Amino acid sequence: GSAVVNSKAVAVLAKVAKVLNDHKELDVLVEGHTDTVPISTDCIQDNWDLSVKRATTVVRVLQETYGIDPKRMTAAGRGEYAPIVENNSAANRARNRRTRIVILPQLDQFFKLLEKK
């Protein structure tokens, strides 16, 4: 039930941030994911909330630590609904608890490429 970014993830985010800082035209979507184990705390109602919290934690690290413009980022929660493996073991549930960074296409540039064909 954690949304804490560990040191291994911070090292990966540093590399991602370097690319994003070098390519200001790129926007990103940060997706948070959970396993299927129900959660309910004072601050987190369910896995939807937890997945969004995971995404916003990563977005904040990118913004506050690495200076990525928040206008270039979107935080989204996928809850338990996009697993990469079945949630049938502790190891698999651990794999499903993650965040994913998606580089968003520049649709205007894409459509210009289509027009040239």
PDB file of N, CA and C in Angstrom:
ATOM      1  N   GLY A   1       0.796  -1.196   0.000  1.00  0.00           N
ATOM      2  CA  GLY A   1       0.000   0.000   0.000  1.00  0.00           C
ATOM      3  C   GLY A   1       0.835   1.255   0.000  1.00  0.00           C
ATOM      4  N   SER A   2       2.036   1.205  -0.561  1.00  0.00           N
ATOM      5  CA  SER A   2       2.947   2.338  -0.495  1.00  0.00           C
ATOM      6  C   SER A   2       3.009   3.094  -1.812  1.00  0.00           C
ATOM      7  N   ALA A   3       3.248   4.391  -1.697  1.00  0.00           N
ATOM      8  CA  ALA A   3       3.488   5.235  -2.864  1.00  0.00           C
ATOM      9  C   ALA A   3       4.864   5.885  -2.769  1.00  0.00           C
ATOM     10  N   VAL A   4       5.743   5.307  -1.971  1.00  0.00           N
ATOM     11  CA  VAL A   4       7.087   5.841  -1.780  1.00  0.00           C
ATOM     12  C   VAL A   4       7.965   5.428  -2.957  1.00  0.00           C
ATOM     13  N   VAL A   5       8.755   6.370  -3.463  1.00  0.00           N
ATOM     14  CA  VAL A   5       9.693   6.094  -4.547  1.00  0.00           C
ATOM     15  C   VAL A   5      11.000   5.635  -3.912  1.00  0.00           C
ATOM     16  N   ASN A   6      11.411   4.398  -4.206  1.00  0.00           N
ATOM     17  CA  ASN A   6      12.642   3.889  -3.595  1.00  0.00           C
ATOM     18  C   ASN A   6      13.871   4.394  -4.338  1.00  0.00           C
ATOM     19  N   SER A   7      15.050   4.132  -3.778  1.00  0.00           N
ATOM     20  CA  SER A   7      16.286   4.676  -4.344  1.00  0.00           C
ATOM     21  C   SER A   7      16.577   4.137  -5.740  1.00  0.00           C
ATOM     22  N   LYS A   8      16.220   2.903  -6.009  1.00  0.00           N
ATOM     23  CA  LYS A   8      16.413   2.329  -7.341  1.00  0.00           C
ATOM     24  C   LYS A   8      15.569   3.082  -8.363  1.00  0.00           C
ATOM     25  N   ALA A   9      14.329   3.386  -7.982  1.00  0.00           N
ATOM     26  CA  ALA A   9      13.444   4.126  -8.879  1.00  0.00           C
ATOM     27  C   ALA A   9      13.930   5.557  -9.087  1.00  0.00           C
ATOM     28  N   VAL A  10      14.480   6.172  -8.044  1.00  0.00           N
ATOM     29  CA  VAL A  10      15.009   7.536  -8.176  1.00  0.00           C
ATOM     30  C   VAL A  10      16.140   7.562  -9.196  1.00  0.00           C
ATOM     31  N   ALA A  11      16.976   6.530  -9.205  1.00  0.00           N
ATOM     32  CA  ALA A  11      18.062   6.454 -10.179  1.00  0.00           C
ATOM     33  C   ALA A  11      17.511   6.361 -11.606  1.00  0.00           C
ATOM     34  N   VAL A  12      16.456   5.602 -11.798  1.00  0.00           N
ATOM     35  CA  VAL A  12      15.825   5.499 -13.108  1.00  0.00           C
ATOM     36  C   VAL A  12      15.194   6.840 -13.493  1.00  0.00           C
ATOM     37  N   LEU A  13      14.536   7.476 -12.535  1.00  0.00           N
ATOM     38  CA  LEU A  13      13.904   8.770 -12.811  1.00  0.00           C
ATOM     39  C   LEU A  13      14.937   9.826 -13.192  1.00  0.00           C
ATOM     40  N   ALA A  14      16.126   9.752 -12.634  1.00  0.00           N
ATOM     41  CA  ALA A  14      17.188  10.690 -13.007  1.00  0.00           C
ATOM     42  C   ALA A  14      17.525  10.555 -14.488  1.00  0.00           C
ATOM     43  N   LYS A  15      17.587   9.329 -14.980  1.00  0.00           N
ATOM     44  CA  LYS A  15      17.874   9.096 -16.396  1.00  0.00           C
ATOM     45  C   LYS A  15      16.722   9.576 -17.278  1.00  0.00           C
ATOM     46  N   VAL A  16      15.500   9.288 -16.848  1.00  0.00           N
ATOM     47  CA  VAL A  16      14.323   9.749 -17.595  1.00  0.00           C
ATOM     48  C   VAL A  16      14.307  11.275 -17.638  1.00  0.00           C
ATOM     49  N   ALA A  17      14.586  11.898 -16.511  1.00  0.00           N
ATOM     50  CA  ALA A  17      14.570  13.355 -16.434  1.00  0.00           C
ATOM     51  C   ALA A  17      15.610  13.975 -17.354  1.00  0.00           C
ATOM     52  N   LYS A  18      16.774  13.361 -17.464  1.00  0.00           N
ATOM     53  CA  LYS A  18      17.810  13.883 -18.367  1.00  0.00           C
ATOM     54  C   LYS A  18      17.283  13.913 -19.799  1.00  0.00           C
ATOM     55  N   VAL A  19      16.662  12.832 -20.234  1.00  0.00           N
ATOM     56  CA  VAL A  19      16.102  12.787 -21.588  1.00  0.00           C
ATOM     57  C   VAL A  19      15.017  13.851 -21.736  1.00  0.00           C
ATOM     58  N   LEU A  20      14.135  13.949 -20.740  1.00  0.00           N
ATOM     59  CA  LEU A  20      13.050  14.931 -20.828  1.00  0.00           C
ATOM     60  C   LEU A  20      13.581  16.356 -20.830  1.00  0.00           C
ATOM     61  N   ASN A  21      14.611  16.617 -20.055  1.00  0.00           N
ATOM     62  CA  ASN A  21      15.200  17.962 -20.042  1.00  0.00           C
ATOM     63  C   ASN A  21      15.928  18.272 -21.342  1.00  0.00           C
ATOM     64  N   ASP A  22      16.462  17.237 -21.986  1.00  0.00           N
ATOM     65  CA  ASP A  22      17.145  17.428 -23.270  1.00  0.00           C
ATOM     66  C   ASP A  22      16.171  17.543 -24.439  1.00  0.00           C
ATOM     67  N   HIS A  23      14.943  17.089 -24.250  1.00  0.00           N
ATOM     68  CA  HIS A  23      13.937  17.092 -25.316  1.00  0.00           C
ATOM     69  C   HIS A  23      12.650  17.721 -24.785  1.00  0.00           C
ATOM     70  N   LYS A  24      12.643  19.021 -24.762  1.00  0.00           N
ATOM     71  CA  LYS A  24      11.525  19.767 -24.178  1.00  0.00           C
ATOM     72  C   LYS A  24      10.212  19.579 -24.933  1.00  0.00           C
ATOM     73  N   GLU A  25      10.284  19.022 -26.134  1.00  0.00           N
ATOM     74  CA  GLU A  25       9.066  18.805 -26.913  1.00  0.00           C
ATOM     75  C   GLU A  25       8.300  17.568 -26.461  1.00  0.00           C
ATOM     76  N   LEU A  26       8.915  16.733 -25.626  1.00  0.00           N
ATOM     77  CA  LEU A  26       8.270  15.503 -25.170  1.00  0.00           C
ATOM     78  C   LEU A  26       7.408  15.742 -23.936  1.00  0.00           C
ATOM     79  N   ASP A  27       6.213  15.206 -23.965  1.00  0.00           N
ATOM     80  CA  ASP A  27       5.325  15.189 -22.807  1.00  0.00           C
ATOM     81  C   ASP A  27       5.237  13.751 -22.314  1.00  0.00           C
ATOM     82  N   VAL A  28       4.872  13.582 -21.045  1.00  0.00           N
ATOM     83  CA  VAL A  28       4.807  12.237 -20.484  1.00  0.00           C
ATOM     84  C   VAL A  28       3.522  12.022 -19.699  1.00  0.00           C
ATOM     85  N   LEU A  29       3.109  10.767 -19.705  1.00  0.00           N
ATOM     86  CA  LEU A  29       2.008  10.292 -18.880  1.00  0.00           C
ATOM     87  C   LEU A  29       2.621   9.322 -17.882  1.00  0.00           C
ATOM     88  N   VAL A  30       2.405   9.557 -16.599  1.00  0.00           N
ATOM     89  CA  VAL A  30       2.871   8.639 -15.570  1.00  0.00           C
ATOM     90  C   VAL A  30       1.663   7.873 -15.058  1.00  0.00           C
ATOM     91  N   GLU A  31       1.694   6.558 -15.244  1.00  0.00           N
ATOM     92  CA  GLU A  31       0.597   5.687 -14.821  1.00  0.00           C
ATOM     93  C   GLU A  31       0.984   4.965 -13.539  1.00  0.00           C
ATOM     94  N   GLY A  32       0.085   4.984 -12.560  1.00  0.00           N
ATOM     95  CA  GLY A  32       0.260   4.179 -11.365  1.00  0.00           C
ATOM     96  C   GLY A  32      -0.572   2.922 -11.459  1.00  0.00           C
ATOM     97  N   HIS A  33      -0.051   1.819 -10.926  1.00  0.00           N
ATOM     98  CA  HIS A  33      -0.729   0.525 -10.968  1.00  0.00           C
ATOM     99  C   HIS A  33      -0.679  -0.125  -9.590  1.00  0.00           C
ATOM    100  N   THR A  34      -1.611  -1.022  -9.331  1.00  0.00           N
ATOM    101  CA  THR A  34      -1.648  -1.767  -8.072  1.00  0.00           C
ATOM    102  C   THR A  34      -1.891  -3.243  -8.352  1.00  0.00           C
ATOM    103  N   ASP A  35      -1.808  -4.027  -7.294  1.00  0.00           N
ATOM    104  CA  ASP A  35      -2.251  -5.418  -7.379  1.00  0.00           C
ATOM    105  C   ASP A  35      -3.738  -5.458  -7.044  1.00  0.00           C
ATOM    106  N   THR A  36      -4.274  -6.637  -6.805  1.00  0.00           N
ATOM    107  CA  THR A  36      -5.715  -6.761  -6.538  1.00  0.00           C
ATOM    108  C   THR A  36      -6.063  -6.815  -5.059  1.00  0.00           C
ATOM    109  N   VAL A  37      -5.066  -6.683  -4.190  1.00  0.00           N
ATOM    110  CA  VAL A  37      -5.342  -6.726  -2.757  1.00  0.00           C
ATOM    111  C   VAL A  37      -6.055  -5.431  -2.367  1.00  0.00           C
ATOM    112  N   PRO A  38      -7.251  -5.532  -1.789  1.00  0.00           N
ATOM    113  CA  PRO A  38      -7.990  -4.319  -1.405  1.00  0.00           C
ATOM    114  C   PRO A  38      -7.230  -3.502  -0.360  1.00  0.00           C
ATOM    115  N   ILE A  39      -7.391  -2.194  -0.443  1.00  0.00           N
ATOM    116  CA  ILE A  39      -6.768  -1.296   0.527  1.00  0.00           C
ATOM    117  C   ILE A  39      -7.782  -0.233   0.917  1.00  0.00           C
ATOM    118  N   SER A  40      -7.712   0.169   2.171  1.00  0.00           N
ATOM    119  CA  SER A  40      -8.533   1.264   2.660  1.00  0.00           C
ATOM    120  C   SER A  40      -7.869   1.825   3.904  1.00  0.00           C
ATOM    121  N   THR A  41      -7.467   3.090   3.832  1.00  0.00           N
ATOM    122  CA  THR A  41      -6.847   3.777   4.972  1.00  0.00           C
ATOM    123  C   THR A  41      -7.531   5.126   5.126  1.00  0.00           C
ATOM    124  N   ASP A  42      -7.031   5.931   6.059  1.00  0.00           N
ATOM    125  CA  ASP A  42      -7.581   7.275   6.236  1.00  0.00           C
ATOM    126  C   ASP A  42      -7.396   8.129   4.980  1.00  0.00           C
ATOM    127  N   CYS A  43      -6.292   7.904   4.255  1.00  0.00           N
ATOM    128  CA  CYS A  43      -5.975   8.738   3.092  1.00  0.00           C
ATOM    129  C   CYS A  43      -6.221   8.060   1.757  1.00  0.00           C
ATOM    130  N   ILE A  44      -6.357   6.750   1.755  1.00  0.00           N
ATOM    131  CA  ILE A  44      -6.514   6.003   0.507  1.00  0.00           C
ATOM    132  C   ILE A  44      -7.784   5.161   0.598  1.00  0.00           C
ATOM    133  N   GLN A  45      -8.732   5.457  -0.264  1.00  0.00           N
ATOM    134  CA  GLN A  45     -10.020   4.766  -0.236  1.00  0.00           C
ATOM    135  C   GLN A  45      -9.934   3.359  -0.831  1.00  0.00           C
ATOM    136  N   ASP A  46      -9.154   3.222  -1.924  1.00  0.00           N
ATOM    137  CA  ASP A  46      -9.099   1.934  -2.625  1.00  0.00           C
ATOM    138  C   ASP A  46      -7.895   1.922  -3.561  1.00  0.00           C
ATOM    139  N   ASN A  47      -7.811   0.874  -4.395  1.00  0.00           N
ATOM    140  CA  ASN A  47      -6.674   0.759  -5.310  1.00  0.00           C
ATOM    141  C   ASN A  47      -6.642   1.856  -6.365  1.00  0.00           C
ATOM    142  N   TRP A  48      -7.793   2.402  -6.724  1.00  0.00           N
ATOM    143  CA  TRP A  48      -7.789   3.561  -7.622  1.00  0.00           C
ATOM    144  C   TRP A  48      -6.995   4.703  -6.998  1.00  0.00           C
ATOM    145  N   ASP A  49      -7.330   5.024  -5.751  1.00  0.00           N
ATOM    146  CA  ASP A  49      -6.626   6.110  -5.058  1.00  0.00           C
ATOM    147  C   ASP A  49      -5.126   5.830  -4.955  1.00  0.00           C
ATOM    148  N   LEU A  50      -4.775   4.600  -4.579  1.00  0.00           N
ATOM    149  CA  LEU A  50      -3.368   4.247  -4.426  1.00  0.00           C
ATOM    150  C   LEU A  50      -2.624   4.387  -5.753  1.00  0.00           C
ATOM    151  N   SER A  51      -3.230   3.958  -6.835  1.00  0.00           N
ATOM    152  CA  SER A  51      -2.547   4.048  -8.128  1.00  0.00           C
ATOM    153  C   SER A  51      -2.317   5.504  -8.543  1.00  0.00           C
ATOM    154  N   VAL A  52      -3.285   6.356  -8.280  1.00  0.00           N
ATOM    155  CA  VAL A  52      -3.109   7.779  -8.581  1.00  0.00           C
ATOM    156  C   VAL A  52      -2.018   8.371  -7.691  1.00  0.00           C
ATOM    157  N   LYS A  53      -2.001   7.993  -6.432  1.00  0.00           N
ATOM    158  CA  LYS A  53      -0.970   8.479  -5.499  1.00  0.00           C
ATOM    159  C   LYS A  53       0.415   8.066  -5.981  1.00  0.00           C
ATOM    160  N   ARG A  54       0.558   6.851  -6.470  1.00  0.00           N
ATOM    161  CA  ARG A  54       1.853   6.410  -7.008  1.00  0.00           C
ATOM    162  C   ARG A  54       2.264   7.291  -8.185  1.00  0.00           C
ATOM    163  N   ALA A  55       1.330   7.580  -9.062  1.00  0.00           N
ATOM    164  CA  ALA A  55       1.643   8.412 -10.230  1.00  0.00           C
ATOM    165  C   ALA A  55       2.009   9.834  -9.818  1.00  0.00           C
ATOM    166  N   THR A  56       1.248  10.428  -8.915  1.00  0.00           N
ATOM    167  CA  THR A  56       1.543  11.807  -8.516  1.00  0.00           C
ATOM    168  C   THR A  56       2.852  11.901  -7.743  1.00  0.00           C
ATOM    169  N   THR A  57       3.223  10.859  -7.023  1.00  0.00           N
ATOM    170  CA  THR A  57       4.507  10.862  -6.326  1.00  0.00           C
ATOM    171  C   THR A  57       5.655  10.923  -7.333  1.00  0.00           C
ATOM    172  N   VAL A  58       5.560  10.140  -8.390  1.00  0.00           N
ATOM    173  CA  VAL A  58       6.603  10.152  -9.427  1.00  0.00           C
ATOM    174  C   VAL A  58       6.630  11.503 -10.138  1.00  0.00           C
ATOM    175  N   VAL A  59       5.468  12.047 -10.462  1.00  0.00           N
ATOM    176  CA  VAL A  59       5.395  13.352 -11.115  1.00  0.00           C
ATOM    177  C   VAL A  59       6.051  14.420 -10.239  1.00  0.00           C
ATOM    178  N   ARG A  60       5.796  14.369  -8.954  1.00  0.00           N
ATOM    179  CA  ARG A  60       6.396  15.359  -8.048  1.00  0.00           C
ATOM    180  C   ARG A  60       7.909  15.231  -7.996  1.00  0.00           C
ATOM    181  N   VAL A  61       8.423  14.013  -8.002  1.00  0.00           N
ATOM    182  CA  VAL A  61       9.884  13.832  -8.031  1.00  0.00           C
ATOM    183  C   VAL A  61      10.452  14.441  -9.313  1.00  0.00           C
ATOM    184  N   LEU A  62       9.839  14.147 -10.443  1.00  0.00           N
ATOM    185  CA  LEU A  62      10.322  14.703 -11.706  1.00  0.00           C
ATOM    186  C   LEU A  62      10.271  16.233 -11.700  1.00  0.00           C
ATOM    187  N   GLN A  63       9.220  16.792 -11.130  1.00  0.00           N
ATOM    188  CA  GLN A  63       9.074  18.248 -11.081  1.00  0.00           C
ATOM    189  C   GLN A  63      10.026  18.882 -10.066  1.00  0.00           C
ATOM    190  N   GLU A  64       9.979  18.400  -8.834  1.00  0.00           N
ATOM    191  CA  GLU A  64      10.689  19.068  -7.738  1.00  0.00           C
ATOM    192  C   GLU A  64      12.178  18.746  -7.703  1.00  0.00           C
ATOM    193  N   THR A  65      12.560  17.551  -8.067  1.00  0.00           N
ATOM    194  CA  THR A  65      13.973  17.170  -8.008  1.00  0.00           C
ATOM    195  C   THR A  65      14.696  17.464  -9.316  1.00  0.00           C
ATOM    196  N   TYR A  66      14.007  17.267 -10.441  1.00  0.00           N
ATOM    197  CA  TYR A  66      14.676  17.357 -11.737  1.00  0.00           C
ATOM    198  C   TYR A  66      14.189  18.501 -12.616  1.00  0.00           C
ATOM    199  N   GLY A  67      13.251  19.293 -12.127  1.00  0.00           N
ATOM    200  CA  GLY A  67      12.844  20.503 -12.827  1.00  0.00           C
ATOM    201  C   GLY A  67      12.014  20.301 -14.084  1.00  0.00           C
ATOM    202  N   ILE A  68      11.347  19.169 -14.200  1.00  0.00           N
ATOM    203  CA  ILE A  68      10.481  18.960 -15.362  1.00  0.00           C
ATOM    204  C   ILE A  68       9.241  19.843 -15.213  1.00  0.00           C
ATOM    205  N   ASP A  69       8.914  20.553 -16.251  1.00  0.00           N
ATOM    206  CA  ASP A  69       7.759  21.449 -16.236  1.00  0.00           C
ATOM    207  C   ASP A  69       6.480  20.628 -16.032  1.00  0.00           C
ATOM    208  N   PRO A  70       5.700  20.942 -14.997  1.00  0.00           N
ATOM    209  CA  PRO A  70       4.481  20.170 -14.744  1.00  0.00           C
ATOM    210  C   PRO A  70       3.470  20.235 -15.874  1.00  0.00           C
ATOM    211  N   LYS A  71       3.563  21.237 -16.731  1.00  0.00           N
ATOM    212  CA  LYS A  71       2.653  21.330 -17.881  1.00  0.00           C
ATOM    213  C   LYS A  71       2.898  20.203 -18.873  1.00  0.00           C
ATOM    214  N   ARG A  72       4.045  19.556 -18.773  1.00  0.00           N
ATOM    215  CA  ARG A  72       4.411  18.486 -19.704  1.00  0.00           C
ATOM    216  C   ARG A  72       4.044  17.097 -19.173  1.00  0.00           C
ATOM    217  N   MET A  73       3.469  17.043 -17.977  1.00  0.00           N
ATOM    218  CA  MET A  73       3.216  15.750 -17.345  1.00  0.00           C
ATOM    219  C   MET A  73       1.746  15.563 -17.002  1.00  0.00           C
ATOM    220  N   THR A  74       1.311  14.322 -17.076  1.00  0.00           N
ATOM    221  CA  THR A  74      -0.015  13.920 -16.643  1.00  0.00           C
ATOM    222  C   THR A  74       0.146  12.739 -15.709  1.00  0.00           C
ATOM    223  N   ALA A  75      -0.534  12.761 -14.573  1.00  0.00           N
ATOM    224  CA  ALA A  75      -0.529  11.637 -13.632  1.00  0.00           C
ATOM    225  C   ALA A  75      -1.874  10.931 -13.735  1.00  0.00           C
ATOM    226  N   ALA A  76      -1.826   9.605 -13.861  1.00  0.00           N
ATOM    227  CA  ALA A  76      -3.059   8.834 -14.013  1.00  0.00           C
ATOM    228  C   ALA A  76      -2.970   7.540 -13.217  1.00  0.00           C
ATOM    229  N   GLY A  77      -4.099   7.112 -12.693  1.00  0.00           N
ATOM    230  CA  GLY A  77      -4.160   5.848 -11.980  1.00  0.00           C
ATOM    231  C   GLY A  77      -4.903   4.804 -12.791  1.00  0.00           C
ATOM    232  N   ARG A  78      -4.342   3.610 -12.871  1.00  0.00           N
ATOM    233  CA  ARG A  78      -4.990   2.507 -13.583  1.00  0.00           C
ATOM    234  C   ARG A  78      -5.539   1.476 -12.602  1.00  0.00           C
ATOM    235  N   GLY A  79      -5.293   1.684 -11.301  1.00  0.00           N
ATOM    236  CA  GLY A  79      -5.782   0.742 -10.304  1.00  0.00           C
ATOM    237  C   GLY A  79      -5.206  -0.637 -10.532  1.00  0.00           C
ATOM    238  N   GLU A  80      -6.034  -1.631 -10.331  1.00  0.00           N
ATOM    239  CA  GLU A  80      -5.647  -3.029 -10.488  1.00  0.00           C
ATOM    240  C   GLU A  80      -6.016  -3.570 -11.857  1.00  0.00           C
ATOM    241  N   TYR A  81      -6.466  -2.687 -12.765  1.00  0.00           N
ATOM    242  CA  TYR A  81      -7.137  -3.121 -13.976  1.00  0.00           C
ATOM    243  C   TYR A  81      -6.244  -3.291 -15.204  1.00  0.00           C
ATOM    244  N   ALA A  82      -4.948  -3.117 -15.059  1.00  0.00           N
ATOM    245  CA  ALA A  82      -4.023  -3.323 -16.184  1.00  0.00           C
ATOM    246  C   ALA A  82      -2.795  -4.086 -15.695  1.00  0.00           C
ATOM    247  N   PRO A  83      -3.002  -5.287 -15.161  1.00  0.00           N
ATOM    248  CA  PRO A  83      -1.861  -6.051 -14.639  1.00  0.00           C
ATOM    249  C   PRO A  83      -0.952  -6.529 -15.768  1.00  0.00           C
ATOM    250  N   ILE A  84       0.326  -6.712 -15.437  1.00  0.00           N
ATOM    251  CA  ILE A  84       1.242  -7.283 -16.427  1.00  0.00           C
ATOM    252  C   ILE A  84       1.341  -8.799 -16.260  1.00  0.00           C
ATOM    253  N   VAL A  85       0.965  -9.298 -15.087  1.00  0.00           N
ATOM    254  CA  VAL A  85       0.895 -10.736 -14.822  1.00  0.00           C
ATOM    255  C   VAL A  85      -0.318 -10.989 -13.935  1.00  0.00           C
ATOM    256  N   GLU A  86      -0.714 -12.247 -13.825  1.00  0.00           N
ATOM    257  CA  GLU A  86      -1.823 -12.580 -12.926  1.00  0.00           C
ATOM    258  C   GLU A  86      -1.442 -12.267 -11.483  1.00  0.00           C
ATOM    259  N   ASN A  87      -2.402 -11.914 -10.676  1.00  0.00           N
ATOM    260  CA  ASN A  87      -2.180 -11.604  -9.260  1.00  0.00           C
ATOM    261  C   ASN A  87      -2.323 -12.863  -8.400  1.00  0.00           C
ATOM    262  N   ASN A  88      -1.713 -13.955  -8.825  1.00  0.00           N
ATOM    263  CA  ASN A  88      -1.905 -15.243  -8.164  1.00  0.00           C
ATOM    264  C   ASN A  88      -0.776 -15.665  -7.230  1.00  0.00           C
ATOM    265  N   SER A  89       0.193 -14.778  -7.003  1.00  0.00           N
ATOM    266  CA  SER A  89       1.281 -15.072  -6.063  1.00  0.00           C
ATOM    267  C   SER A  89       1.848 -13.760  -5.540  1.00  0.00           C
ATOM    268  N   ALA A  90       2.575 -13.836  -4.445  1.00  0.00           N
ATOM    269  CA  ALA A  90       3.181 -12.627  -3.880  1.00  0.00           C
ATOM    270  C   ALA A  90       4.145 -11.987  -4.875  1.00  0.00           C
ATOM    271  N   ALA A  91       4.912 -12.811  -5.569  1.00  0.00           N
ATOM    272  CA  ALA A  91       5.869 -12.279  -6.539  1.00  0.00           C
ATOM    273  C   ALA A  91       5.148 -11.568  -7.691  1.00  0.00           C
ATOM    274  N   ASN A  92       4.073 -12.150  -8.175  1.00  0.00           N
ATOM    275  CA  ASN A  92       3.324 -11.513  -9.258  1.00  0.00           C
ATOM    276  C   ASN A  92       2.635 -10.237  -8.795  1.00  0.00           C
ATOM    277  N   ARG A  93       2.071 -10.259  -7.593  1.00  0.00           N
ATOM    278  CA  ARG A  93       1.441  -9.035  -7.074  1.00  0.00           C
ATOM    279  C   ARG A  93       2.478  -7.918  -6.970  1.00  0.00           C
ATOM    280  N   ALA A  94       3.691  -8.258  -6.561  1.00  0.00           N
ATOM    281  CA  ALA A  94       4.760  -7.257  -6.469  1.00  0.00           C
ATOM    282  C   ALA A  94       5.076  -6.664  -7.846  1.00  0.00           C
ATOM    283  N   ARG A  95       5.055  -7.480  -8.886  1.00  0.00           N
ATOM    284  CA  ARG A  95       5.326  -6.988 -10.243  1.00  0.00           C
ATOM    285  C   ARG A  95       4.232  -6.039 -10.718  1.00  0.00           C
ATOM    286  N   ASN A  96       3.008  -6.252 -10.270  1.00  0.00           N
ATOM    287  CA  ASN A  96       1.898  -5.403 -10.688  1.00  0.00           C
ATOM    288  C   ASN A  96       1.852  -4.074  -9.948  1.00  0.00           C
ATOM    289  N   ARG A  97       2.546  -3.965  -8.834  1.00  0.00           N
ATOM    290  CA  ARG A  97       2.625  -2.695  -8.098  1.00  0.00           C
ATOM    291  C   ARG A  97       3.762  -1.884  -8.702  1.00  0.00           C
ATOM    292  N   ARG A  98       3.401  -0.919  -9.562  1.00  0.00           N
ATOM    293  CA  ARG A  98       4.430  -0.225 -10.320  1.00  0.00           C
ATOM    294  C   ARG A  98       3.899   1.105 -10.838  1.00  0.00           C
ATOM    295  N   THR A  99       4.819   1.863 -11.398  1.00  0.00           N
ATOM    296  CA  THR A  99       4.444   3.016 -12.209  1.00  0.00           C
ATOM    297  C   THR A  99       5.052   2.809 -13.589  1.00  0.00           C
ATOM    298  N   ARG A 100       4.456   3.434 -14.551  1.00  0.00           N
ATOM    299  CA  ARG A 100       4.928   3.331 -15.936  1.00  0.00           C
ATOM    300  C   ARG A 100       4.949   4.732 -16.522  1.00  0.00           C
ATOM    301  N   ILE A 101       6.019   5.060 -17.214  1.00  0.00           N
ATOM    302  CA  ILE A 101       6.136   6.366 -17.854  1.00  0.00           C
ATOM    303  C   ILE A 101       5.958   6.173 -19.353  1.00  0.00           C
ATOM    304  N   VAL A 102       4.988   6.893 -19.896  1.00  0.00           N
ATOM    305  CA  VAL A 102       4.653   6.785 -21.307  1.00  0.00           C
ATOM    306  C   VAL A 102       4.987   8.122 -21.974  1.00  0.00           C
ATOM    307  N   ILE A 103       5.817   8.062 -23.006  1.00  0.00           N
ATOM    308  CA  ILE A 103       6.117   9.269 -23.771  1.00  0.00           C
ATOM    309  C   ILE A 103       4.932   9.507 -24.704  1.00  0.00           C
ATOM    310  N   LEU A 104       4.356  10.686 -24.606  1.00  0.00           N
ATOM    311  CA  LEU A 104       3.160  10.995 -25.392  1.00  0.00           C
ATOM    312  C   LEU A 104       3.545  11.504 -26.773  1.00  0.00           C
ATOM    313  N   PRO A 105       2.836  11.057 -27.773  1.00  0.00           N
ATOM    314  CA  PRO A 105       3.142  11.508 -29.135  1.00  0.00           C
ATOM    315  C   PRO A 105       2.749  12.966 -29.324  1.00  0.00           C
ATOM    316  N   GLN A 106       3.479  13.610 -30.179  1.00  0.00           N
ATOM    317  CA  GLN A 106       3.122  14.963 -30.589  1.00  0.00           C
ATOM    318  C   GLN A 106       2.190  14.817 -31.788  1.00  0.00           C
ATOM    319  N   LEU A 107       0.902  14.819 -31.515  1.00  0.00           N
ATOM    320  CA  LEU A 107      -0.064  14.504 -32.561  1.00  0.00           C
ATOM    321  C   LEU A 107      -0.036  15.490 -33.724  1.00  0.00           C
ATOM    322  N   ASP A 108       0.238  16.749 -33.453  1.00  0.00           N
ATOM    323  CA  ASP A 108       0.288  17.705 -34.558  1.00  0.00           C
ATOM    324  C   ASP A 108       1.430  17.365 -35.503  1.00  0.00           C
ATOM    325  N   GLN A 109       2.577  16.957 -34.960  1.00  0.00           N
ATOM    326  CA  GLN A 109       3.689  16.550 -35.811  1.00  0.00           C
ATOM    327  C   GLN A 109       3.362  15.257 -36.549  1.00  0.00           C
ATOM    328  N   PHE A 110       2.682  14.350 -35.877  1.00  0.00           N
ATOM    329  CA  PHE A 110       2.283  13.082 -36.499  1.00  0.00           C
ATOM    330  C   PHE A 110       1.348  13.331 -37.681  1.00  0.00           C
ATOM    331  N   PHE A 111       0.363  14.203 -37.486  1.00  0.00           N
ATOM    332  CA  PHE A 111      -0.577  14.492 -38.573  1.00  0.00           C
ATOM    333  C   PHE A 111       0.118  15.183 -39.752  1.00  0.00           C
ATOM    334  N   LYS A 112       1.113  16.009 -39.457  1.00  0.00           N
ATOM    335  CA  LYS A 112       1.888  16.631 -40.559  1.00  0.00           C
ATOM    336  C   LYS A 112       2.613  15.573 -41.366  1.00  0.00           C
ATOM    337  N   LEU A 113       3.145  14.563 -40.666  1.00  0.00           N
ATOM    338  CA  LEU A 113       3.810  13.458 -41.370  1.00  0.00           C
ATOM    339  C   LEU A 113       2.828  12.698 -42.244  1.00  0.00           C
ATOM    340  N   LEU A 114       1.612  12.497 -41.748  1.00  0.00           N
ATOM    341  CA  LEU A 114       0.604  11.823 -42.552  1.00  0.00           C
ATOM    342  C   LEU A 114       0.239  12.606 -43.809  1.00  0.00           C
ATOM    343  N   GLU A 115       0.189  13.927 -43.690  1.00  0.00           N
ATOM    344  CA  GLU A 115      -0.171  14.765 -44.818  1.00  0.00           C
ATOM    345  C   GLU A 115       0.883  14.699 -45.915  1.00  0.00           C
ATOM    346  N   LYS A 116       2.145  14.464 -45.555  1.00  0.00           N
ATOM    347  CA  LYS A 116       3.231  14.400 -46.528  1.00  0.00           C
ATOM    348  C   LYS A 116       3.201  13.120 -47.346  1.00  0.00           C
ATOM    349  N   LYS A 117       2.554  12.100 -46.868  1.00  0.00           N
ATOM    350  CA  LYS A 117       2.565  10.787 -47.550  1.00  0.00           C
ATOM    351  C   LYS A 117       1.624  10.740 -48.718  1.00  0.00           C
TER     352      LYS A 117
END
